[in-house]
N, C-alpha and C. Protein backbone atom coordinates (compact mmCIF):
# COMPACT_ATOMS: atom_id res chain seq x y z
N MET A 1 -14.89 64.80 121.07
CA MET A 1 -16.32 65.04 120.91
C MET A 1 -16.62 65.31 119.44
N MET A 2 -17.76 64.88 118.98
CA MET A 2 -18.16 65.06 117.59
C MET A 2 -18.23 66.54 117.22
N PRO A 3 -17.82 66.93 116.02
CA PRO A 3 -17.95 68.33 115.59
C PRO A 3 -19.42 68.77 115.61
N ALA A 4 -19.67 70.00 116.03
CA ALA A 4 -21.04 70.49 116.17
C ALA A 4 -21.78 70.47 114.84
N TRP A 5 -21.09 70.80 113.74
CA TRP A 5 -21.77 70.84 112.44
C TRP A 5 -22.26 69.46 112.03
N LEU A 6 -21.45 68.42 112.34
CA LEU A 6 -21.85 67.06 112.01
C LEU A 6 -23.02 66.61 112.88
N ALA A 7 -22.97 66.99 114.16
CA ALA A 7 -24.07 66.64 115.07
C ALA A 7 -25.38 67.28 114.62
N ARG A 8 -25.31 68.55 114.21
CA ARG A 8 -26.53 69.23 113.73
C ARG A 8 -27.06 68.54 112.47
N LEU A 9 -26.15 68.13 111.60
CA LEU A 9 -26.56 67.43 110.38
C LEU A 9 -27.26 66.13 110.71
N MET A 10 -26.70 65.35 111.63
CA MET A 10 -27.30 64.08 112.00
C MET A 10 -28.68 64.28 112.63
N LEU A 11 -28.80 65.31 113.45
CA LEU A 11 -30.10 65.62 114.04
C LEU A 11 -31.10 66.04 112.97
N ARG A 12 -30.65 66.86 112.03
CA ARG A 12 -31.54 67.34 110.97
C ARG A 12 -32.02 66.18 110.11
N ILE A 13 -31.13 65.25 109.81
CA ILE A 13 -31.51 64.07 109.02
C ILE A 13 -32.61 63.29 109.72
N ASN A 14 -32.57 63.28 111.05
CA ASN A 14 -33.57 62.55 111.84
C ASN A 14 -34.73 63.43 112.28
N GLY A 15 -34.81 64.64 111.73
CA GLY A 15 -35.94 65.53 112.02
C GLY A 15 -35.92 66.12 113.41
N MET A 16 -34.74 66.22 114.03
CA MET A 16 -34.63 66.73 115.39
C MET A 16 -33.79 68.01 115.43
N ARG A 17 -33.94 68.75 116.51
CA ARG A 17 -33.13 69.94 116.75
C ARG A 17 -32.87 70.07 118.24
N VAL A 18 -31.94 70.94 118.60
CA VAL A 18 -31.58 71.18 120.00
C VAL A 18 -31.90 72.61 120.38
N VAL A 19 -32.50 72.80 121.55
CA VAL A 19 -32.74 74.13 122.12
C VAL A 19 -32.01 74.19 123.45
N ASP A 20 -31.05 75.10 123.55
CA ASP A 20 -30.30 75.30 124.80
C ASP A 20 -30.72 76.64 125.39
N HIS A 21 -31.49 76.60 126.47
CA HIS A 21 -31.98 77.84 127.09
C HIS A 21 -30.87 78.62 127.80
N ASN A 22 -29.68 78.05 127.84
CA ASN A 22 -28.54 78.75 128.44
C ASN A 22 -27.66 79.41 127.39
N HIS A 23 -27.96 79.14 126.12
CA HIS A 23 -27.19 79.71 125.01
C HIS A 23 -25.69 79.47 125.19
N GLY A 24 -25.36 78.29 125.69
CA GLY A 24 -23.96 77.92 125.87
C GLY A 24 -23.33 78.41 127.16
N ASN A 25 -24.04 79.25 127.91
CA ASN A 25 -23.50 79.83 129.15
C ASN A 25 -23.90 78.95 130.33
N TRP A 26 -23.24 77.81 130.46
CA TRP A 26 -23.54 76.85 131.51
C TRP A 26 -22.63 77.07 132.71
N PRO A 27 -23.08 76.66 133.90
CA PRO A 27 -22.14 76.60 135.03
C PRO A 27 -21.06 75.58 134.72
N LYS A 28 -19.94 75.66 135.42
CA LYS A 28 -18.83 74.75 135.13
C LYS A 28 -19.10 73.31 135.56
N LYS A 29 -20.04 73.15 136.48
CA LYS A 29 -20.38 71.80 136.95
C LYS A 29 -21.89 71.70 137.11
N CYS A 30 -22.45 70.59 136.69
CA CYS A 30 -23.88 70.35 136.95
C CYS A 30 -24.23 68.90 136.66
N VAL A 31 -25.32 68.47 137.27
CA VAL A 31 -25.94 67.19 136.93
C VAL A 31 -26.93 67.46 135.80
N VAL A 32 -26.98 66.56 134.83
CA VAL A 32 -27.89 66.71 133.69
C VAL A 32 -28.89 65.55 133.71
N PRO A 33 -29.97 65.66 134.51
CA PRO A 33 -30.99 64.61 134.52
C PRO A 33 -31.68 64.57 133.16
N THR A 34 -31.83 63.38 132.61
CA THR A 34 -32.31 63.22 131.24
C THR A 34 -33.54 62.32 131.19
N GLY A 35 -34.50 62.72 130.36
CA GLY A 35 -35.69 61.91 130.19
C GLY A 35 -36.59 62.47 129.09
N PRO A 36 -37.59 61.73 128.69
CA PRO A 36 -37.77 60.33 129.07
C PRO A 36 -36.79 59.42 128.33
N HIS A 37 -36.27 58.44 129.05
CA HIS A 37 -35.34 57.47 128.46
C HIS A 37 -36.13 56.20 128.18
N THR A 38 -36.50 56.00 126.92
CA THR A 38 -37.41 54.92 126.56
C THR A 38 -36.83 53.92 125.57
N SER A 39 -35.62 54.19 125.06
CA SER A 39 -35.06 53.35 124.00
C SER A 39 -33.54 53.40 124.01
N ASN A 40 -32.90 52.31 123.57
CA ASN A 40 -31.45 52.32 123.40
C ASN A 40 -31.02 53.36 122.37
N ARG A 41 -31.93 53.69 121.47
CA ARG A 41 -31.61 54.66 120.42
C ARG A 41 -31.53 56.09 120.95
N ASP A 42 -31.83 56.30 122.23
CA ASP A 42 -31.62 57.62 122.83
C ASP A 42 -30.14 57.99 122.86
N PHE A 43 -29.28 56.96 122.95
CA PHE A 43 -27.85 57.22 123.17
C PHE A 43 -27.22 58.08 122.08
N PRO A 44 -27.38 57.76 120.78
CA PRO A 44 -26.77 58.63 119.78
C PRO A 44 -27.32 60.05 119.81
N TYR A 45 -28.59 60.21 120.18
CA TYR A 45 -29.13 61.57 120.29
C TYR A 45 -28.45 62.34 121.42
N GLY A 46 -28.07 61.63 122.47
CA GLY A 46 -27.30 62.27 123.53
C GLY A 46 -25.94 62.71 123.05
N ILE A 47 -25.28 61.87 122.23
CA ILE A 47 -23.98 62.22 121.66
C ILE A 47 -24.11 63.45 120.76
N TYR A 48 -25.14 63.48 119.93
CA TYR A 48 -25.34 64.62 119.03
C TYR A 48 -25.63 65.90 119.81
N SER A 49 -26.52 65.80 120.80
CA SER A 49 -26.96 67.01 121.50
C SER A 49 -25.85 67.63 122.33
N ARG A 50 -24.99 66.81 122.94
CA ARG A 50 -23.90 67.39 123.72
C ARG A 50 -22.90 68.10 122.80
N ALA A 51 -22.73 67.60 121.58
CA ALA A 51 -21.85 68.28 120.63
C ALA A 51 -22.43 69.62 120.21
N VAL A 52 -23.74 69.69 120.05
CA VAL A 52 -24.39 70.94 119.64
C VAL A 52 -24.25 72.01 120.73
N VAL A 53 -24.43 71.63 121.99
CA VAL A 53 -24.32 72.62 123.08
C VAL A 53 -22.87 72.87 123.47
N GLY A 54 -21.95 72.04 122.97
CA GLY A 54 -20.54 72.26 123.23
C GLY A 54 -20.09 71.94 124.63
N LYS A 55 -20.77 70.99 125.28
CA LYS A 55 -20.42 70.57 126.64
C LYS A 55 -20.18 69.06 126.64
N TYR A 56 -19.05 68.65 127.18
CA TYR A 56 -18.72 67.23 127.20
C TYR A 56 -19.47 66.56 128.35
N ILE A 57 -20.73 66.25 128.10
CA ILE A 57 -21.59 65.63 129.10
C ILE A 57 -21.25 64.15 129.18
N GLN A 58 -20.96 63.67 130.40
CA GLN A 58 -20.49 62.31 130.60
C GLN A 58 -21.47 61.49 131.44
N PHE A 59 -21.14 60.24 131.65
CA PHE A 59 -21.95 59.38 132.52
C PHE A 59 -21.01 58.59 133.42
N VAL A 60 -21.55 58.05 134.50
CA VAL A 60 -20.74 57.28 135.44
C VAL A 60 -21.27 55.86 135.55
N ALA A 61 -20.38 54.97 135.95
CA ALA A 61 -20.75 53.57 136.19
C ALA A 61 -19.71 52.97 137.13
N LYS A 62 -20.04 51.83 137.69
CA LYS A 62 -19.11 51.15 138.59
C LYS A 62 -17.80 50.86 137.87
N SER A 63 -16.70 50.99 138.58
CA SER A 63 -15.38 50.82 137.98
C SER A 63 -15.17 49.42 137.41
N THR A 64 -15.89 48.43 137.94
CA THR A 64 -15.73 47.05 137.47
C THR A 64 -16.21 46.87 136.03
N LEU A 65 -16.98 47.82 135.52
CA LEU A 65 -17.50 47.73 134.15
C LEU A 65 -16.53 48.28 133.12
N PHE A 66 -15.41 48.85 133.58
CA PHE A 66 -14.49 49.53 132.67
C PHE A 66 -13.26 48.68 132.37
N SER A 67 -13.46 47.41 132.15
CA SER A 67 -12.35 46.52 131.80
C SER A 67 -12.61 45.90 130.43
N GLY A 68 -11.55 45.56 129.73
CA GLY A 68 -11.68 44.92 128.43
C GLY A 68 -12.18 45.86 127.35
N PRO A 69 -12.58 45.31 126.21
CA PRO A 69 -13.05 46.11 125.08
C PRO A 69 -14.25 47.00 125.42
N MET A 70 -15.19 46.47 126.21
CA MET A 70 -16.36 47.27 126.57
C MET A 70 -15.96 48.48 127.40
N GLY A 71 -14.99 48.31 128.29
CA GLY A 71 -14.51 49.43 129.09
C GLY A 71 -13.91 50.52 128.23
N ALA A 72 -13.18 50.13 127.19
CA ALA A 72 -12.58 51.10 126.28
C ALA A 72 -13.66 51.89 125.54
N ILE A 73 -14.73 51.19 125.14
CA ILE A 73 -15.84 51.86 124.45
C ILE A 73 -16.54 52.83 125.40
N MET A 74 -16.74 52.40 126.64
CA MET A 74 -17.42 53.26 127.61
C MET A 74 -16.62 54.54 127.85
N LYS A 75 -15.31 54.42 127.99
CA LYS A 75 -14.47 55.61 128.19
C LYS A 75 -14.49 56.50 126.96
N TRP A 76 -14.46 55.91 125.78
CA TRP A 76 -14.45 56.66 124.53
C TRP A 76 -15.72 57.48 124.35
N THR A 77 -16.85 56.94 124.83
CA THR A 77 -18.12 57.65 124.69
C THR A 77 -18.42 58.59 125.85
N GLY A 78 -17.50 58.66 126.84
CA GLY A 78 -17.68 59.62 127.93
C GLY A 78 -17.92 59.02 129.28
N GLY A 79 -17.73 57.72 129.42
CA GLY A 79 -17.94 57.06 130.70
C GLY A 79 -16.84 57.38 131.70
N VAL A 80 -17.23 57.50 132.96
CA VAL A 80 -16.30 57.77 134.05
C VAL A 80 -16.46 56.67 135.10
N PRO A 81 -15.40 55.92 135.41
CA PRO A 81 -15.52 54.87 136.42
C PRO A 81 -15.61 55.45 137.83
N VAL A 82 -16.49 54.88 138.63
CA VAL A 82 -16.65 55.31 140.02
C VAL A 82 -16.05 54.26 140.93
N VAL A 83 -15.05 54.67 141.69
CA VAL A 83 -14.41 53.78 142.65
C VAL A 83 -14.95 54.09 144.04
N ARG A 84 -15.65 53.14 144.62
CA ARG A 84 -16.23 53.34 145.95
C ARG A 84 -15.25 52.88 147.01
N GLU A 85 -14.95 53.78 147.94
CA GLU A 85 -14.12 53.41 149.08
C GLU A 85 -15.01 52.78 150.15
N LYS A 86 -14.39 52.13 151.11
CA LYS A 86 -15.14 51.37 152.10
C LYS A 86 -16.16 52.22 152.86
N ARG A 87 -15.82 53.47 153.12
CA ARG A 87 -16.69 54.30 153.96
C ARG A 87 -17.52 55.29 153.17
N THR A 88 -17.62 55.11 151.87
CA THR A 88 -18.42 56.02 151.05
C THR A 88 -19.44 55.24 150.25
N ASN A 89 -20.61 55.86 150.02
CA ASN A 89 -21.60 55.25 149.16
C ASN A 89 -21.44 55.80 147.74
N PHE A 90 -22.28 55.35 146.82
CA PHE A 90 -22.14 55.75 145.42
C PHE A 90 -22.32 57.25 145.25
N THR A 91 -23.30 57.82 145.95
CA THR A 91 -23.54 59.27 145.86
C THR A 91 -22.32 60.06 146.29
N GLN A 92 -21.72 59.68 147.40
CA GLN A 92 -20.53 60.37 147.89
C GLN A 92 -19.34 60.19 146.94
N ALA A 93 -19.24 59.01 146.34
CA ALA A 93 -18.15 58.76 145.40
C ALA A 93 -18.27 59.63 144.16
N VAL A 94 -19.50 59.81 143.68
CA VAL A 94 -19.70 60.67 142.51
C VAL A 94 -19.47 62.14 142.88
N ALA A 95 -19.93 62.53 144.06
CA ALA A 95 -19.69 63.91 144.52
C ALA A 95 -18.20 64.21 144.60
N LYS A 96 -17.42 63.21 144.94
CA LYS A 96 -15.96 63.38 145.01
C LYS A 96 -15.39 63.69 143.63
N ILE A 97 -15.95 63.07 142.59
CA ILE A 97 -15.50 63.36 141.23
C ILE A 97 -15.77 64.83 140.90
N PHE A 98 -16.94 65.32 141.28
CA PHE A 98 -17.25 66.75 141.07
C PHE A 98 -16.22 67.62 141.78
N ALA A 99 -15.88 67.26 143.01
CA ALA A 99 -14.95 68.08 143.80
C ALA A 99 -13.56 68.09 143.20
N GLU A 100 -13.18 67.01 142.55
CA GLU A 100 -11.83 66.89 142.01
C GLU A 100 -11.65 67.53 140.65
N ARG A 101 -12.76 67.88 140.00
CA ARG A 101 -12.67 68.40 138.64
C ARG A 101 -13.05 69.88 138.58
N GLU A 102 -12.41 70.58 137.68
CA GLU A 102 -12.75 72.00 137.49
C GLU A 102 -14.03 72.14 136.69
N GLU A 103 -14.28 71.17 135.81
CA GLU A 103 -15.49 71.20 134.98
C GLU A 103 -16.00 69.77 134.84
N PHE A 104 -17.30 69.59 135.08
CA PHE A 104 -17.86 68.24 134.99
C PHE A 104 -19.36 68.33 134.77
N TYR A 105 -19.83 67.67 133.70
CA TYR A 105 -21.25 67.60 133.38
C TYR A 105 -21.66 66.14 133.38
N LEU A 106 -22.58 65.79 134.25
CA LEU A 106 -22.94 64.39 134.47
C LEU A 106 -24.38 64.11 134.05
N CYS A 107 -24.54 63.27 133.04
CA CYS A 107 -25.86 62.85 132.58
C CYS A 107 -26.33 61.65 133.39
N ILE A 108 -27.59 61.71 133.84
CA ILE A 108 -28.20 60.58 134.55
C ILE A 108 -29.62 60.40 134.02
N ALA A 109 -29.93 59.19 133.55
CA ALA A 109 -31.29 58.87 133.12
C ALA A 109 -32.14 58.66 134.36
N MET A 110 -33.14 59.51 134.53
CA MET A 110 -33.89 59.53 135.79
C MET A 110 -34.71 58.27 136.04
N GLU A 111 -35.21 57.65 134.96
CA GLU A 111 -36.03 56.45 135.16
C GLU A 111 -35.20 55.25 135.59
N GLY A 112 -33.93 55.21 135.19
CA GLY A 112 -33.09 54.07 135.52
C GLY A 112 -33.41 52.82 134.71
N THR A 113 -34.29 52.95 133.73
CA THR A 113 -34.70 51.83 132.88
C THR A 113 -35.37 52.40 131.64
N ARG A 114 -35.49 51.59 130.59
CA ARG A 114 -36.20 52.04 129.39
C ARG A 114 -37.68 51.70 129.45
N LYS A 115 -38.08 50.93 130.45
CA LYS A 115 -39.48 50.55 130.60
C LYS A 115 -40.30 51.73 131.15
N LYS A 116 -41.60 51.64 131.01
CA LYS A 116 -42.48 52.68 131.54
C LYS A 116 -42.45 52.64 133.07
N VAL A 117 -42.32 53.81 133.69
CA VAL A 117 -42.31 53.90 135.15
C VAL A 117 -43.30 54.98 135.59
N ASP A 118 -43.68 54.94 136.87
CA ASP A 118 -44.58 55.97 137.40
C ASP A 118 -43.87 56.92 138.36
N ARG A 119 -42.54 56.74 138.50
CA ARG A 119 -41.75 57.63 139.36
C ARG A 119 -40.29 57.55 138.92
N PHE A 120 -39.55 58.59 139.23
CA PHE A 120 -38.13 58.61 138.91
C PHE A 120 -37.32 58.06 140.07
N ARG A 121 -36.16 57.52 139.77
CA ARG A 121 -35.20 57.25 140.83
C ARG A 121 -34.64 58.58 141.31
N THR A 122 -34.22 58.62 142.54
CA THR A 122 -33.85 59.91 143.15
C THR A 122 -32.36 60.16 143.23
N GLY A 123 -31.54 59.23 142.76
CA GLY A 123 -30.10 59.37 142.90
C GLY A 123 -29.54 60.64 142.32
N PHE A 124 -30.05 61.06 141.14
CA PHE A 124 -29.55 62.28 140.51
C PHE A 124 -29.71 63.49 141.42
N TYR A 125 -30.81 63.51 142.18
CA TYR A 125 -31.11 64.63 143.06
C TYR A 125 -30.12 64.67 144.22
N TRP A 126 -29.89 63.50 144.84
CA TRP A 126 -28.99 63.46 145.99
C TRP A 126 -27.54 63.71 145.58
N ILE A 127 -27.17 63.31 144.38
CA ILE A 127 -25.83 63.62 143.90
C ILE A 127 -25.65 65.12 143.75
N ALA A 128 -26.64 65.79 143.16
CA ALA A 128 -26.56 67.25 143.00
C ALA A 128 -26.46 67.94 144.34
N ARG A 129 -27.22 67.47 145.32
CA ARG A 129 -27.16 68.08 146.65
C ARG A 129 -25.82 67.82 147.33
N GLU A 130 -25.35 66.58 147.25
CA GLU A 130 -24.09 66.22 147.89
C GLU A 130 -22.92 66.99 147.27
N ALA A 131 -22.97 67.16 145.95
CA ALA A 131 -21.89 67.86 145.24
C ALA A 131 -22.07 69.37 145.26
N ASN A 132 -23.24 69.83 145.71
CA ASN A 132 -23.56 71.26 145.76
C ASN A 132 -23.47 71.89 144.37
N VAL A 133 -24.14 71.25 143.41
CA VAL A 133 -24.16 71.75 142.04
C VAL A 133 -25.61 71.82 141.56
N PRO A 134 -25.90 72.66 140.57
CA PRO A 134 -27.25 72.73 140.02
C PRO A 134 -27.53 71.58 139.07
N MET A 135 -28.76 71.53 138.59
CA MET A 135 -29.16 70.57 137.57
C MET A 135 -29.62 71.33 136.33
N ILE A 136 -29.27 70.80 135.16
CA ILE A 136 -29.82 71.28 133.90
C ILE A 136 -30.53 70.09 133.27
N PHE A 137 -31.84 70.19 133.11
CA PHE A 137 -32.63 69.07 132.62
C PHE A 137 -32.52 68.95 131.10
N ALA A 138 -32.32 67.72 130.64
CA ALA A 138 -32.30 67.43 129.20
C ALA A 138 -33.59 66.69 128.86
N LYS A 139 -34.45 67.36 128.14
CA LYS A 139 -35.76 66.80 127.81
C LYS A 139 -35.72 66.26 126.37
N PHE A 140 -35.82 64.95 126.23
CA PHE A 140 -35.81 64.32 124.91
C PHE A 140 -37.26 64.22 124.41
N ASP A 141 -37.72 65.29 123.80
CA ASP A 141 -39.12 65.44 123.40
C ASP A 141 -39.29 65.05 121.93
N PHE A 142 -39.50 63.77 121.70
CA PHE A 142 -39.64 63.30 120.32
C PHE A 142 -41.00 63.63 119.75
N GLY A 143 -41.97 63.96 120.60
CA GLY A 143 -43.27 64.40 120.10
C GLY A 143 -43.16 65.72 119.36
N ASN A 144 -42.36 66.63 119.90
CA ASN A 144 -42.14 67.93 119.27
C ASN A 144 -40.81 68.01 118.52
N ARG A 145 -40.12 66.87 118.42
CA ARG A 145 -38.89 66.76 117.64
C ARG A 145 -37.80 67.71 118.13
N VAL A 146 -37.63 67.79 119.45
CA VAL A 146 -36.64 68.70 120.01
C VAL A 146 -35.99 68.09 121.26
N ILE A 147 -34.71 68.32 121.42
CA ILE A 147 -33.99 68.01 122.65
C ILE A 147 -33.71 69.34 123.32
N GLU A 148 -34.26 69.51 124.51
CA GLU A 148 -34.28 70.83 125.16
C GLU A 148 -33.51 70.79 126.48
N PHE A 149 -32.58 71.73 126.63
CA PHE A 149 -31.81 71.87 127.86
C PHE A 149 -32.33 73.07 128.65
N SER A 150 -32.74 72.81 129.90
CA SER A 150 -33.33 73.86 130.73
C SER A 150 -32.27 74.80 131.28
N LYS A 151 -32.73 75.86 131.91
CA LYS A 151 -31.84 76.70 132.70
C LYS A 151 -31.54 75.99 134.03
N PRO A 152 -30.52 76.43 134.76
CA PRO A 152 -30.13 75.71 135.98
C PRO A 152 -31.22 75.69 137.05
N PHE A 153 -31.36 74.54 137.66
CA PHE A 153 -32.29 74.32 138.76
C PHE A 153 -31.46 73.94 139.98
N TYR A 154 -31.68 74.65 141.09
CA TYR A 154 -30.89 74.43 142.30
C TYR A 154 -31.72 73.70 143.35
N PRO A 155 -31.36 72.48 143.72
CA PRO A 155 -32.12 71.76 144.74
C PRO A 155 -32.09 72.51 146.06
N THR A 156 -33.23 72.50 146.75
CA THR A 156 -33.37 73.32 147.95
C THR A 156 -33.34 72.54 149.25
N GLY A 157 -33.60 71.25 149.17
CA GLY A 157 -33.77 70.48 150.39
C GLY A 157 -35.23 70.18 150.66
N ASN A 158 -36.13 70.94 150.03
CA ASN A 158 -37.55 70.60 150.10
C ASN A 158 -37.80 69.56 149.01
N VAL A 159 -37.64 68.32 149.36
CA VAL A 159 -37.60 67.25 148.37
C VAL A 159 -38.92 67.14 147.61
N ARG A 160 -40.03 67.20 148.30
CA ARG A 160 -41.32 67.04 147.63
C ARG A 160 -41.60 68.20 146.68
N GLU A 161 -41.30 69.40 147.10
CA GLU A 161 -41.53 70.56 146.24
C GLU A 161 -40.62 70.50 145.02
N ASP A 162 -39.38 70.15 145.25
CA ASP A 162 -38.44 70.05 144.13
C ASP A 162 -38.88 68.98 143.13
N PHE A 163 -39.27 67.82 143.63
CA PHE A 163 -39.67 66.75 142.72
C PHE A 163 -41.00 67.03 142.04
N ASP A 164 -41.87 67.76 142.69
CA ASP A 164 -43.10 68.18 142.02
C ASP A 164 -42.76 69.01 140.79
N PHE A 165 -41.81 69.92 140.94
CA PHE A 165 -41.38 70.73 139.81
C PHE A 165 -40.75 69.86 138.72
N ILE A 166 -39.87 68.94 139.13
CA ILE A 166 -39.18 68.08 138.17
C ILE A 166 -40.16 67.19 137.42
N TYR A 167 -41.08 66.58 138.16
CA TYR A 167 -42.07 65.72 137.52
C TYR A 167 -42.93 66.50 136.52
N ARG A 168 -43.34 67.70 136.90
CA ARG A 168 -44.17 68.50 135.99
C ARG A 168 -43.39 68.90 134.74
N HIS A 169 -42.09 69.10 134.89
CA HIS A 169 -41.25 69.48 133.75
C HIS A 169 -41.24 68.38 132.68
N PHE A 170 -41.32 67.12 133.12
CA PHE A 170 -41.25 66.00 132.18
C PHE A 170 -42.59 65.32 131.93
N ASP A 171 -43.64 65.77 132.59
CA ASP A 171 -44.95 65.13 132.48
C ASP A 171 -45.46 65.14 131.04
N GLY A 172 -45.79 63.96 130.53
CA GLY A 172 -46.40 63.86 129.21
C GLY A 172 -45.48 64.01 128.03
N VAL A 173 -44.18 64.21 128.27
CA VAL A 173 -43.23 64.35 127.17
C VAL A 173 -43.10 63.00 126.46
N LYS A 174 -43.20 63.00 125.15
CA LYS A 174 -43.17 61.76 124.38
C LYS A 174 -41.74 61.33 124.10
N GLY A 175 -41.38 60.15 124.59
CA GLY A 175 -40.07 59.59 124.31
C GLY A 175 -40.03 58.94 122.95
N LEU A 176 -38.87 58.42 122.58
CA LEU A 176 -38.72 57.77 121.29
C LEU A 176 -39.64 56.57 121.18
N ALA A 177 -39.75 55.78 122.26
CA ALA A 177 -40.76 54.74 122.36
C ALA A 177 -41.92 55.34 123.16
N ALA A 178 -42.86 55.94 122.45
CA ALA A 178 -43.89 56.77 123.09
C ALA A 178 -44.68 56.03 124.15
N GLU A 179 -44.87 54.73 123.97
CA GLU A 179 -45.67 53.95 124.93
C GLU A 179 -45.00 53.86 126.30
N ASN A 180 -43.71 54.15 126.37
CA ASN A 180 -42.99 54.10 127.65
C ASN A 180 -42.79 55.47 128.28
N SER A 181 -43.43 56.48 127.73
CA SER A 181 -43.25 57.84 128.23
C SER A 181 -43.84 58.00 129.63
N PHE A 182 -43.39 59.04 130.32
CA PHE A 182 -43.74 59.25 131.72
C PHE A 182 -44.98 60.13 131.88
N ASN A 183 -45.88 59.73 132.77
CA ASN A 183 -47.04 60.54 133.15
C ASN A 183 -47.05 60.70 134.67
N TYR A 184 -47.22 61.93 135.10
CA TYR A 184 -47.05 62.28 136.52
C TYR A 184 -48.31 62.06 137.33
N ASP A 185 -48.16 61.35 138.45
CA ASP A 185 -49.21 61.20 139.45
C ASP A 185 -48.68 61.81 140.75
N PRO A 186 -49.23 62.95 141.21
CA PRO A 186 -48.71 63.61 142.41
C PRO A 186 -48.68 62.73 143.65
N ALA A 187 -49.41 61.62 143.64
CA ALA A 187 -49.43 60.74 144.81
C ALA A 187 -48.04 60.17 145.12
N VAL A 188 -47.16 60.11 144.12
CA VAL A 188 -45.83 59.53 144.36
C VAL A 188 -44.99 60.42 145.28
N LEU A 189 -45.37 61.69 145.42
CA LEU A 189 -44.62 62.58 146.30
C LEU A 189 -44.69 62.15 147.75
N GLU A 190 -45.77 61.44 148.11
CA GLU A 190 -45.94 61.02 149.50
C GLU A 190 -44.84 60.06 149.95
N GLU A 191 -44.17 59.44 149.00
CA GLU A 191 -43.10 58.50 149.34
C GLU A 191 -41.78 59.22 149.63
N LEU A 192 -41.72 60.51 149.33
CA LEU A 192 -40.48 61.27 149.50
C LEU A 192 -40.47 61.99 150.84
N PRO A 193 -39.28 62.22 151.41
CA PRO A 193 -39.21 62.99 152.65
C PRO A 193 -39.57 64.44 152.42
N ALA A 194 -40.22 65.05 153.39
CA ALA A 194 -40.56 66.47 153.30
C ALA A 194 -39.38 67.28 153.81
N GLY A 195 -39.31 68.55 153.41
CA GLY A 195 -38.22 69.42 153.86
C GLY A 195 -38.62 70.86 153.73
N GLU A 196 -37.72 71.75 154.09
CA GLU A 196 -37.99 73.17 154.02
C GLU A 196 -37.27 73.78 152.84
N GLY A 197 -37.76 74.92 152.37
CA GLY A 197 -37.13 75.63 151.26
C GLY A 197 -38.14 75.88 150.17
N SER A 198 -37.72 76.55 149.13
CA SER A 198 -38.58 76.82 147.99
C SER A 198 -37.78 76.57 146.73
N THR A 199 -38.49 76.23 145.65
CA THR A 199 -37.83 75.91 144.40
C THR A 199 -37.06 77.10 143.87
N GLN A 200 -35.81 76.86 143.49
CA GLN A 200 -34.98 77.92 142.92
C GLN A 200 -34.67 77.56 141.48
N PHE A 201 -35.32 78.24 140.55
CA PHE A 201 -35.13 77.97 139.14
C PHE A 201 -34.75 79.26 138.46
N ASN A 202 -33.58 79.28 137.84
CA ASN A 202 -33.05 80.48 137.20
C ASN A 202 -33.85 80.78 135.95
N THR A 203 -34.55 81.90 135.92
CA THR A 203 -35.36 82.26 134.77
C THR A 203 -34.80 83.43 133.99
N ASP A 204 -33.56 83.83 134.31
CA ASP A 204 -32.96 84.95 133.59
C ASP A 204 -32.71 84.60 132.13
């Protein structure tokens, strides 16, 4: 992982800074939903920010992508191959990685694309639930020139309530390509299953 001092320097050169609301005191495992993801240039900022917080935040992809020179690059930058068994889906396969590791931080771009979207993909949420781990949101706020890591958020099973909170957390945040930034319309919640529970967000 890049030295923290070098990462801070690179961020400073680009007019950015990192705010970690956990002050380095993270749980040993969590999903790190990230947004808004609007440009390929988000990637180096992710490399810099993980070095600043001192957590080796990784990403996952299908195992078939980890062959040849590109596979070596993906592993070098933190990629983890996911091997799906016949009776498991992608969510279960990723949850298995969490179960097998003592420490694991998984970054997932919620939009699933760099284009403008009106809703997030939900895979990050189901992975956190299946693995029984919290989420720490990484907000790439280029409007305010800050990359901000939230305190842990624990999914409750009340999908609509949880996503209402998540959407509001990222609503209006300016991405690097500002025209592709996310704006929240509560009507999208109607497409999600309802459930019981209340939002659990650590505010200590």
